[in-house]
Amino acid sequence: MNNRINNVQSRIPICTQWIHPPHGHFKMNFDASFISKSETIGIRIVLRDSFGMCRGVRLIPSRSHSAEEAEGLAALSAIKWALELGYSAITFEGDAQLIISSLNSSNCNIGWRTKAYITDAINLTSSFTLCSFSFCSRTANSVADALASMAKALSTEITAADPPSFVYDLLSKDSSHVITASAVPV
């Protein structure tokens, strides 16, 4: 049974700072950057626990035909990594509102390539006990966003338990917030 939480309403609230997931849960923030001239993309995924501690980062260089498609591939990549790691209760958060809306509702107007990624992503979510998708502003997704140029410049995928040192300040700033998912009004 698929227990995705449908958090898309007629007006999606915009989260402007990173919010800790509920105790015992994990959150993956994902992002993609796209260079249209070369169709080069960089996917960044940041895994954090309910204390805000970074538990891993994944940087994936790839190719795409559009920014929308790149963000769809980033969402799918995050879901696949969470399954690889064996997580059962997880929140996925990204700053591409159309992608998040597509993951929460099948009624979105997206390109056919992106639709294929979203369909695969939704099908994989049945493997989770609890899975949700939420939209956040770029400022709330700052750690994944900061890894942009690094991922695009890579020739192979990198997965690391520790984040690069240049994002320590962003992680620390995020972790100092006392807002938790249970404190967010619905």
Protein backbone atom coordinates (compact mmCIF):
# COMPACT_ATOMS: atom_id res chain seq x y z
CA MET A 1 0.00 0.00 0.00
CA ASN A 2 1.29 3.42 -0.89
CA ASN A 3 1.23 5.78 2.11
CA ARG A 4 2.44 8.95 0.41
CA ILE A 5 1.15 12.04 2.13
CA ASN A 6 -0.62 14.29 -0.32
CA ASN A 7 0.43 17.73 0.88
CA VAL A 8 -0.54 19.66 -2.24
CA GLN A 9 -3.43 22.00 -1.66
CA SER A 10 -4.91 24.71 -3.85
CA ARG A 11 -2.14 26.97 -2.53
CA ILE A 12 1.09 25.25 -1.59
CA PRO A 13 2.65 26.88 1.49
CA ILE A 14 6.21 27.96 0.82
CA CYS A 15 8.74 26.81 3.37
CA THR A 16 11.50 29.44 3.61
CA GLN A 17 13.79 27.65 6.06
CA TRP A 18 14.83 24.04 6.45
CA ILE A 19 12.53 22.13 8.81
CA HIS A 20 13.62 19.02 10.71
CA PRO A 21 11.66 15.86 9.87
CA PRO A 22 9.76 14.15 12.71
CA HIS A 23 11.81 12.23 15.28
CA GLY A 24 13.17 9.00 13.85
CA HIS A 25 12.52 10.05 10.25
CA PHE A 26 14.91 11.21 7.56
CA LYS A 27 14.71 13.91 4.94
CA MET A 28 16.33 14.09 1.52
CA ASN A 29 16.64 17.48 -0.08
CA PHE A 30 17.22 17.27 -3.81
CA ASP A 31 18.02 19.82 -6.46
CA ALA A 32 19.24 19.96 -10.04
CA SER A 33 20.97 22.59 -12.10
CA PHE A 34 20.81 22.72 -15.87
CA ILE A 35 23.02 24.30 -18.52
CA SER A 36 20.94 24.49 -21.68
CA LYS A 37 23.83 25.03 -24.08
CA SER A 38 25.49 21.72 -23.22
CA GLU A 39 22.44 19.95 -21.72
CA THR A 40 24.67 19.23 -18.72
CA ILE A 41 23.04 18.82 -15.33
CA GLY A 42 24.21 18.41 -11.77
CA ILE A 43 21.99 16.59 -9.29
CA ARG A 44 22.54 17.09 -5.59
CA ILE A 45 20.93 15.08 -2.82
CA VAL A 46 21.45 15.74 0.87
CA LEU A 47 20.32 13.22 3.50
CA ARG A 48 19.64 14.48 7.03
CA ASP A 49 18.19 13.00 10.19
CA SER A 50 15.63 14.43 12.61
CA PHE A 51 18.39 16.33 14.43
CA GLY A 52 19.43 18.07 11.22
CA MET A 53 22.70 16.13 11.03
CA CYS A 54 23.93 15.43 7.53
CA ARG A 55 24.05 11.67 7.00
CA GLY A 56 25.26 11.77 3.43
CA VAL A 57 25.43 13.58 0.12
CA ARG A 58 25.20 12.32 -3.43
CA LEU A 59 26.37 14.33 -6.43
CA ILE A 60 25.36 13.09 -9.86
CA PRO A 61 26.48 14.56 -13.17
CA SER A 62 24.17 13.76 -16.07
CA ARG A 63 22.50 15.16 -19.18
CA SER A 64 19.00 16.45 -19.74
CA HIS A 65 16.93 18.32 -22.32
CA SER A 66 15.33 20.77 -19.86
CA ALA A 67 15.46 22.08 -16.32
CA GLU A 68 12.09 20.40 -15.64
CA GLU A 69 13.45 17.05 -16.79
CA ALA A 70 16.58 17.54 -14.65
CA GLU A 71 14.47 18.17 -11.53
CA GLY A 72 12.35 15.08 -12.29
CA LEU A 73 15.50 12.97 -12.57
CA ALA A 74 16.76 14.47 -9.29
CA ALA A 75 13.55 13.41 -7.51
CA LEU A 76 13.79 9.89 -8.94
CA SER A 77 17.48 9.69 -7.98
CA ALA A 78 16.68 10.70 -4.39
CA ILE A 79 13.99 8.03 -4.10
CA LYS A 80 16.30 5.35 -5.50
CA TRP A 81 19.05 6.33 -3.05
CA ALA A 82 16.64 6.20 -0.08
CA LEU A 83 15.58 2.69 -1.15
CA GLU A 84 19.23 1.68 -1.56
CA LEU A 85 19.85 2.81 2.02
CA GLY A 86 16.82 0.89 3.28
CA TYR A 87 14.82 3.80 4.75
CA SER A 88 11.13 3.27 5.37
CA ALA A 89 9.96 6.69 6.67
CA ILE A 90 11.28 9.60 4.68
CA THR A 91 10.42 13.06 3.42
CA PHE A 92 11.64 14.28 0.06
CA GLU A 93 11.95 18.01 -0.36
CA GLY A 94 12.75 20.03 -3.46
CA ASP A 95 12.54 23.57 -4.78
CA ALA A 96 10.85 22.74 -8.11
CA GLN A 97 7.17 23.29 -7.36
CA LEU A 98 5.92 21.61 -10.56
CA ILE A 99 7.89 18.45 -9.76
CA ILE A 100 6.62 18.30 -6.17
CA SER A 101 3.06 18.89 -7.40
CA SER A 102 3.49 16.12 -9.98
CA LEU A 103 4.70 13.70 -7.32
CA ASN A 104 1.66 14.49 -5.17
CA SER A 105 -0.93 14.61 -7.95
CA SER A 106 -1.12 13.06 -11.40
CA ASN A 107 -2.94 16.08 -12.85
CA CYS A 108 0.10 18.25 -13.63
CA ASN A 109 1.11 19.38 -17.08
CA ILE A 110 4.71 18.20 -17.53
CA GLY A 111 6.78 17.07 -20.49
CA TRP A 112 6.76 13.42 -21.53
CA ARG A 113 10.38 12.78 -20.48
CA THR A 114 9.72 14.29 -17.07
CA LYS A 115 6.45 12.34 -16.80
CA ALA A 116 8.42 9.09 -17.26
CA TYR A 117 10.71 9.99 -14.32
CA ILE A 118 7.75 11.01 -12.16
CA THR A 119 5.84 7.81 -12.98
CA ASP A 120 8.87 5.69 -12.04
CA ALA A 121 9.32 7.71 -8.84
CA ILE A 122 5.68 7.29 -7.79
CA ASN A 123 5.82 3.56 -8.48
CA LEU A 124 8.89 3.21 -6.24
CA THR A 125 7.22 4.98 -3.31
CA SER A 126 5.10 1.90 -2.58
CA SER A 127 8.27 0.42 -1.03
CA PHE A 128 8.18 2.99 1.79
CA THR A 129 6.08 2.75 4.95
CA LEU A 130 5.75 6.53 5.01
CA CYS A 131 6.82 8.86 2.23
CA SER A 132 6.00 12.50 1.58
CA PHE A 133 7.00 15.16 -0.91
CA SER A 134 7.15 18.82 0.03
CA PHE A 135 8.05 22.02 -1.72
CA CYS A 136 10.56 24.43 -0.23
CA SER A 137 12.05 27.67 -1.44
CA ARG A 138 15.60 27.73 -2.71
CA THR A 139 16.71 29.33 0.58
CA ALA A 140 15.31 26.35 2.51
CA ASN A 141 17.12 24.05 0.08
CA SER A 142 20.41 25.94 0.41
CA VAL A 143 22.70 22.97 1.08
CA ALA A 144 21.59 21.07 -2.03
CA ASP A 145 21.66 24.31 -4.01
CA ALA A 146 25.21 25.11 -2.84
CA LEU A 147 26.48 21.83 -4.27
CA ALA A 148 25.33 22.82 -7.79
CA SER A 149 28.56 23.68 -9.55
CA MET A 150 30.40 20.76 -7.95
CA ALA A 151 27.95 18.17 -9.31
CA LYS A 152 27.93 19.62 -12.84
CA ALA A 153 31.73 19.56 -12.99
CA LEU A 154 32.05 15.88 -12.06
CA SER A 155 32.65 13.07 -14.52
CA THR A 156 31.29 10.35 -12.21
CA GLU A 157 28.79 10.10 -9.38
CA ILE A 158 30.02 10.72 -5.83
CA THR A 159 28.39 9.51 -2.64
CA ALA A 160 29.90 10.58 0.66
CA ALA A 161 28.97 10.21 4.32
CA ASP A 162 30.43 13.62 5.09
CA PRO A 163 29.51 16.76 3.16
CA PRO A 164 32.13 19.01 1.58
CA SER A 165 33.48 21.52 4.09
CA PHE A 166 32.12 24.54 2.21
CA VAL A 167 28.54 23.61 3.22
CA TYR A 168 29.24 23.22 6.97
CA ASP A 169 28.02 26.73 7.75
CA LEU A 170 24.76 26.15 5.85
CA LEU A 171 24.18 22.84 7.64
CA SER A 172 24.89 24.45 10.99
CA LYS A 173 22.51 27.32 10.27
CA ASP A 174 19.75 24.89 9.25
CA SER A 175 20.28 22.69 12.32
CA SER A 176 20.01 25.65 14.67
CA HIS A 177 16.37 26.17 13.71
CA VAL A 178 14.03 24.85 16.37
CA ILE A 179 11.16 24.28 13.95
CA THR A 180 10.21 20.64 13.53
CA ALA A 181 7.72 19.07 11.16
CA SER A 182 5.28 18.48 14.02
CA ALA A 183 5.31 22.23 14.82
CA VAL A 184 4.38 23.30 11.29
CA PRO A 185 0.72 24.27 10.95
CA VAL A 186 -1.24 22.18 8.46
